[in-house]
Amino acid sequence: MKIATFNINGIKARAQALPAWLDDAQPDVVLLQEVKSVDEAFPRELFEDRGYNVETHGQKGFNGVAILSKLPLEDVRRGLPGDDDDVQARWIEATVVGKQALRVCGLYLPNGNPVELQDDGRPEPGGKYDYKLRWMHRLHERAKQLLAEDAPALMAGDYNIIPQAEDAKRPEAWVEDALHRPESRAAFQRLVNLGFTEAFRARHQDAGHYSFWDYQAGAWNRDDGIRIDHFLLSPQAADLLMDCQIDKHVRGGDKPSDHVPVWVELDL
């Protein structure tokens, strides 16, 4: 089973590029982020005509996540538990029903910039960085629940986290950024330490692999990228891992997103 994550940076802007990639890559399941569309306006027919079941959790003009699946989806849930007042559309999960059930969770983790700190160095309450870290605490709690279910599960998407210096062309440029600050990286590592496997690093240990290149300053032409789109696999899913790759070439296509697809292949 081939499962991909792809921050498309606007479903309308990617109305040609996304279907073209789907036709070429033929993933079984796709977790989309930043669809930037309400559910009613999502162009479901583009994907249903290709044999995908479609589930969305949208928001007008911002955020928004979706699942495309050629296999049946059950028990779809929208919104990360832990804060009923959080209206941002950043989390969707469902069970993919194949020869073995797989729980897939698609996420668009908050960016967190600008970083606003108090005099003691703690995040300013109510600020964007504070929201990022609180969201990651909620993610940690949901991750523990997934592990307790003792079944194959994964959490994938745009984490807005540069885990290690090797995951940036110029790590020194990101030291004070919310994507690479020590608090962010520590929160990500705490997720991994629960017992998850970071799929890409399980298959590739070298530097120079990126999933995002800014539109500005010729970042793509200079390969000035960062790796912020990740798969975390439960132990049961990690046992099924066959491959994990980044479709870097997609960034050089027509009207690309600033992210590219990342995918895993599981023996399912």
Protein backbone atom coordinates (compact mmCIF):
# COMPACT_ATOMS: atom_id res chain seq x y z
CA MET A 1 0.00 0.00 0.00
CA LYS A 2 1.41 3.37 -1.05
CA ILE A 3 0.48 6.24 1.26
CA ALA A 4 1.50 9.82 0.55
CA THR A 5 1.39 13.15 2.33
CA PHE A 6 1.29 16.37 0.31
CA ASN A 7 0.87 19.99 1.40
CA ILE A 8 -0.67 21.36 -1.78
CA ASN A 9 -0.88 25.02 -0.73
CA GLY A 10 -4.35 25.55 -2.15
CA ILE A 11 -6.59 23.02 -3.92
CA LYS A 12 -7.69 25.56 -6.55
CA ALA A 13 -4.10 26.54 -7.35
CA ARG A 14 -3.15 22.86 -7.72
CA ALA A 15 -6.20 21.79 -9.75
CA GLN A 16 -3.95 20.59 -12.58
CA ALA A 17 -0.69 19.71 -10.81
CA LEU A 18 -2.26 17.47 -8.15
CA PRO A 19 -4.29 15.25 -10.52
CA ALA A 20 -1.26 14.96 -12.81
CA TRP A 21 0.86 13.72 -9.91
CA LEU A 22 -1.86 11.28 -8.82
CA ASP A 23 -2.06 9.82 -12.32
CA ASP A 24 1.71 9.37 -12.40
CA ALA A 25 2.40 8.20 -8.83
CA GLN A 26 -0.77 6.14 -8.28
CA PRO A 27 -0.86 6.32 -4.45
CA ASP A 28 -3.52 4.29 -2.68
CA VAL A 29 -4.02 6.88 0.06
CA VAL A 30 -3.14 10.59 0.12
CA LEU A 31 -3.17 12.91 3.12
CA LEU A 32 -3.50 16.52 1.93
CA GLN A 33 -2.76 19.72 3.84
CA GLU A 34 -3.48 23.39 3.23
CA VAL A 35 -6.38 22.72 0.91
CA LYS A 36 -7.65 26.24 1.75
CA SER A 37 -11.26 25.38 0.94
CA VAL A 38 -14.51 24.81 2.76
CA ASP A 39 -15.83 21.27 2.43
CA GLU A 40 -18.66 22.29 0.11
CA ALA A 41 -16.27 23.86 -2.41
CA PHE A 42 -13.72 21.02 -2.47
CA PRO A 43 -13.55 19.63 -6.05
CA ARG A 44 -14.40 16.07 -5.08
CA GLU A 45 -15.12 14.98 -8.64
CA LEU A 46 -11.46 15.42 -9.63
CA PHE A 47 -10.59 12.60 -7.28
CA GLU A 48 -13.75 10.50 -7.25
CA ASP A 49 -13.39 10.15 -11.02
CA ARG A 50 -9.97 8.60 -10.32
CA GLY A 51 -11.43 6.07 -7.90
CA TYR A 52 -10.74 7.87 -4.64
CA ASN A 53 -13.02 8.13 -1.65
CA VAL A 54 -12.80 11.71 -0.35
CA GLU A 55 -13.03 13.01 3.21
CA THR A 56 -12.32 16.65 4.03
CA HIS A 57 -12.00 18.96 7.01
CA GLY A 58 -11.94 22.39 5.44
CA GLN A 59 -11.69 26.03 6.38
CA LYS A 60 -12.21 29.05 4.14
CA GLY A 61 -8.95 30.45 2.81
CA PHE A 62 -6.70 28.82 5.41
CA ASN A 63 -5.50 25.44 6.63
CA GLY A 64 -7.71 22.50 5.71
CA VAL A 65 -6.86 18.80 5.50
CA ALA A 66 -8.25 15.90 3.49
CA ILE A 67 -7.92 12.17 2.88
CA LEU A 68 -8.11 10.54 -0.55
CA SER A 69 -8.31 6.75 -0.51
CA LYS A 70 -8.88 4.08 -3.13
CA LEU A 71 -9.82 1.79 -0.26
CA PRO A 72 -12.86 2.20 2.01
CA LEU A 73 -12.59 4.65 4.91
CA GLU A 74 -14.25 4.08 8.27
CA ASP A 75 -14.56 5.98 11.56
CA VAL A 76 -13.58 9.37 10.13
CA ARG A 77 -12.80 11.98 12.80
CA ARG A 78 -12.09 15.66 12.32
CA GLY A 79 -10.19 17.95 14.66
CA LEU A 80 -7.40 17.15 17.09
CA PRO A 81 -8.85 16.30 20.52
CA GLY A 82 -8.03 18.33 23.58
CA ASP A 83 -9.36 21.83 22.87
CA ASP A 84 -13.00 22.31 21.90
CA ASP A 85 -12.35 26.00 21.26
CA ASP A 86 -9.77 25.34 18.54
CA VAL A 87 -11.56 25.92 15.22
CA GLN A 88 -8.52 25.61 12.95
CA ALA A 89 -8.86 22.72 10.48
CA ARG A 90 -5.57 20.90 11.00
CA TRP A 91 -6.38 17.26 11.75
CA ILE A 92 -8.30 14.42 10.12
CA GLU A 93 -8.08 10.68 10.75
CA ALA A 94 -9.74 7.51 9.50
CA THR A 95 -9.27 3.77 9.26
CA VAL A 96 -8.26 2.49 5.83
CA VAL A 97 -9.82 -0.91 5.30
CA GLY A 98 -7.58 -3.23 3.28
CA LYS A 99 -6.40 -6.75 4.01
CA GLN A 100 -5.42 -5.27 7.38
CA ALA A 101 -6.88 -2.14 8.96
CA LEU A 102 -4.60 0.90 9.16
CA ARG A 103 -5.35 4.06 11.13
CA VAL A 104 -4.15 7.11 9.18
CA CYS A 105 -3.94 10.57 10.72
CA GLY A 106 -3.32 13.59 8.52
CA LEU A 107 -2.03 16.74 10.19
CA TYR A 108 -1.04 20.30 9.42
CA LEU A 109 0.92 21.39 12.46
CA PRO A 110 0.97 25.15 13.23
CA ASN A 111 3.92 27.12 11.88
CA GLY A 112 4.45 29.07 15.10
CA ASN A 113 6.01 32.23 13.71
CA PRO A 114 6.56 34.89 14.81
CA VAL A 115 8.15 33.51 17.97
CA GLU A 116 6.99 35.68 20.86
CA LEU A 117 8.75 35.04 24.17
CA GLN A 118 8.35 36.37 27.69
CA ASP A 119 11.30 37.77 29.63
CA ASP A 120 11.93 34.35 31.15
CA GLY A 121 12.15 32.76 27.70
CA ARG A 122 8.80 31.00 27.81
CA PRO A 123 6.36 31.45 24.91
CA GLU A 124 4.01 34.42 25.22
CA PRO A 125 0.57 33.04 26.18
CA GLY A 126 -1.84 33.34 23.30
CA GLY A 127 0.93 33.85 20.76
CA LYS A 128 1.49 31.76 17.66
CA TYR A 129 4.46 29.91 19.12
CA ASP A 130 2.51 29.15 22.27
CA TYR A 131 -0.29 27.75 20.08
CA LYS A 132 2.19 25.56 18.20
CA LEU A 133 3.59 24.01 21.38
CA ARG A 134 0.17 23.54 22.95
CA TRP A 135 -1.01 21.86 19.73
CA MET A 136 1.99 19.56 19.90
CA HIS A 137 1.10 18.64 23.48
CA ARG A 138 -2.37 17.64 22.28
CA LEU A 139 -0.76 15.67 19.45
CA HIS A 140 1.41 13.87 22.01
CA GLU A 141 -1.71 12.82 23.93
CA ARG A 142 -3.44 11.54 20.79
CA ALA A 143 -0.26 9.70 19.83
CA LYS A 144 -0.25 7.86 23.15
CA GLN A 145 -3.84 6.80 22.54
CA LEU A 146 -2.95 5.45 19.11
CA LEU A 147 -0.14 3.38 20.56
CA ALA A 148 -2.44 2.01 23.26
CA GLU A 149 -4.73 0.64 20.55
CA ASP A 150 -1.91 -1.76 19.60
CA ALA A 151 -2.69 -1.68 15.86
CA PRO A 152 -0.96 -0.28 12.76
CA ALA A 153 -1.24 3.51 12.74
CA LEU A 154 0.58 6.48 11.29
CA MET A 155 0.59 10.24 11.70
CA ALA A 156 1.72 12.09 8.59
CA GLY A 157 1.67 15.57 7.17
CA ASP A 158 3.31 18.95 7.29
CA TYR A 159 4.79 19.02 10.80
CA ASN A 160 6.46 22.41 10.32
CA ILE A 161 9.41 20.93 12.20
CA ILE A 162 13.02 20.68 11.01
CA PRO A 163 14.08 17.80 13.28
CA GLN A 164 17.86 17.93 12.76
CA ALA A 165 20.46 20.24 11.25
CA GLU A 166 20.84 17.77 8.37
CA ASP A 167 17.25 18.53 7.41
CA ALA A 168 18.09 22.06 6.21
CA LYS A 169 20.47 23.29 3.54
CA ARG A 170 21.38 26.22 5.81
CA PRO A 171 20.54 25.18 9.38
CA GLU A 172 22.10 28.35 10.78
CA ALA A 173 19.36 30.38 9.09
CA TRP A 174 16.66 28.57 11.09
CA VAL A 175 18.09 28.66 14.62
CA GLU A 176 15.55 31.16 15.97
CA ASP A 177 12.71 30.08 13.71
CA ALA A 178 9.71 28.26 15.22
CA LEU A 179 10.40 25.33 12.88
CA HIS A 180 13.83 24.65 14.36
CA ARG A 181 13.87 26.14 17.85
CA PRO A 182 14.92 23.65 20.54
CA GLU A 183 11.43 23.57 22.09
CA SER A 184 9.92 22.54 18.75
CA ARG A 185 12.51 19.88 18.06
CA ALA A 186 12.22 18.54 21.60
CA ALA A 187 8.45 18.22 21.27
CA PHE A 188 8.90 16.30 18.02
CA GLN A 189 11.50 14.04 19.61
CA ARG A 190 9.14 13.31 22.50
CA LEU A 191 6.66 11.98 19.92
CA VAL A 192 9.29 9.71 18.43
CA ASN A 193 10.38 8.58 21.90
CA LEU A 194 6.89 7.28 22.60
CA GLY A 195 7.74 4.45 20.22
CA PHE A 196 7.13 5.88 16.75
CA THR A 197 9.48 5.41 13.81
CA GLU A 198 10.31 8.40 11.63
CA ALA A 199 9.92 6.59 8.33
CA PHE A 200 12.22 8.65 6.14
CA ARG A 201 15.14 8.52 8.56
CA ALA A 202 14.61 4.78 8.93
CA ARG A 203 15.43 4.45 5.23
CA HIS A 204 17.81 7.39 4.62
CA GLN A 205 20.43 8.65 7.05
CA ASP A 206 22.29 11.16 4.86
CA ALA A 207 21.78 14.92 4.54
CA GLY A 208 20.46 16.85 1.56
CA HIS A 209 16.87 15.58 1.44
CA TYR A 210 14.18 18.27 1.51
CA SER A 211 10.40 18.49 1.08
CA PHE A 212 9.93 22.30 1.02
CA TRP A 213 11.53 25.11 -0.94
CA ASP A 214 10.33 28.69 -0.48
CA TYR A 215 8.96 30.49 -3.52
CA GLN A 216 11.23 33.45 -2.73
CA ALA A 217 14.92 34.17 -3.39
CA GLY A 218 15.43 31.36 -5.87
CA ALA A 219 15.35 28.70 -3.15
CA TRP A 220 14.38 25.91 -5.55
CA ASN A 221 17.11 26.72 -8.08
CA ARG A 222 19.71 26.76 -5.27
CA ASP A 223 18.23 23.64 -3.62
CA ASP A 224 17.89 25.74 -0.46
CA GLY A 225 15.31 23.47 1.12
CA ILE A 226 14.16 22.02 4.40
CA ARG A 227 12.55 18.69 5.35
CA ILE A 228 9.38 19.34 7.31
CA ASP A 229 6.90 16.74 5.97
CA HIS A 230 7.12 13.52 7.96
CA PHE A 231 5.64 10.08 8.59
CA LEU A 232 5.59 8.74 12.14
CA LEU A 233 4.74 5.04 12.25
CA SER A 234 3.52 3.00 15.20
CA PRO A 235 5.58 -0.13 15.90
CA GLN A 236 3.00 -2.27 14.11
CA ALA A 237 3.13 -0.01 11.03
CA ALA A 238 6.93 0.27 11.17
CA ASP A 239 7.15 -3.52 10.92
CA LEU A 240 5.39 -3.20 7.54
CA LEU A 241 7.63 -0.43 6.16
CA MET A 242 9.06 -1.25 2.75
CA ASP A 243 10.13 2.16 1.46
CA CYS A 244 9.89 5.92 2.02
CA GLN A 245 10.75 8.49 -0.63
CA ILE A 246 10.37 12.18 -1.49
CA ASP A 247 9.04 13.04 -4.95
CA LYS A 248 11.39 16.00 -5.35
CA HIS A 249 10.81 16.33 -9.10
CA VAL A 250 7.26 17.58 -8.51
CA ARG A 251 8.65 20.94 -7.31
CA GLY A 252 10.01 21.58 -10.81
CA GLY A 253 6.64 21.09 -12.49
CA ASP A 254 4.06 23.59 -13.69
CA LYS A 255 2.51 25.77 -10.96
CA PRO A 256 3.96 23.67 -8.12
CA SER A 257 3.26 23.82 -4.43
CA ASP A 258 6.20 24.91 -2.28
CA HIS A 259 6.06 21.38 -0.80
CA VAL A 260 6.43 18.05 -2.58
CA PRO A 261 4.86 14.66 -1.86
CA VAL A 262 6.46 12.26 0.59
CA TRP A 263 5.32 8.65 0.54
CA VAL A 264 5.72 5.36 2.29
CA GLU A 265 5.04 1.87 1.03
CA LEU A 266 3.72 -0.55 3.61
CA ASP A 267 3.32 -4.30 3.22
CA LEU A 268 -0.45 -4.21 3.44
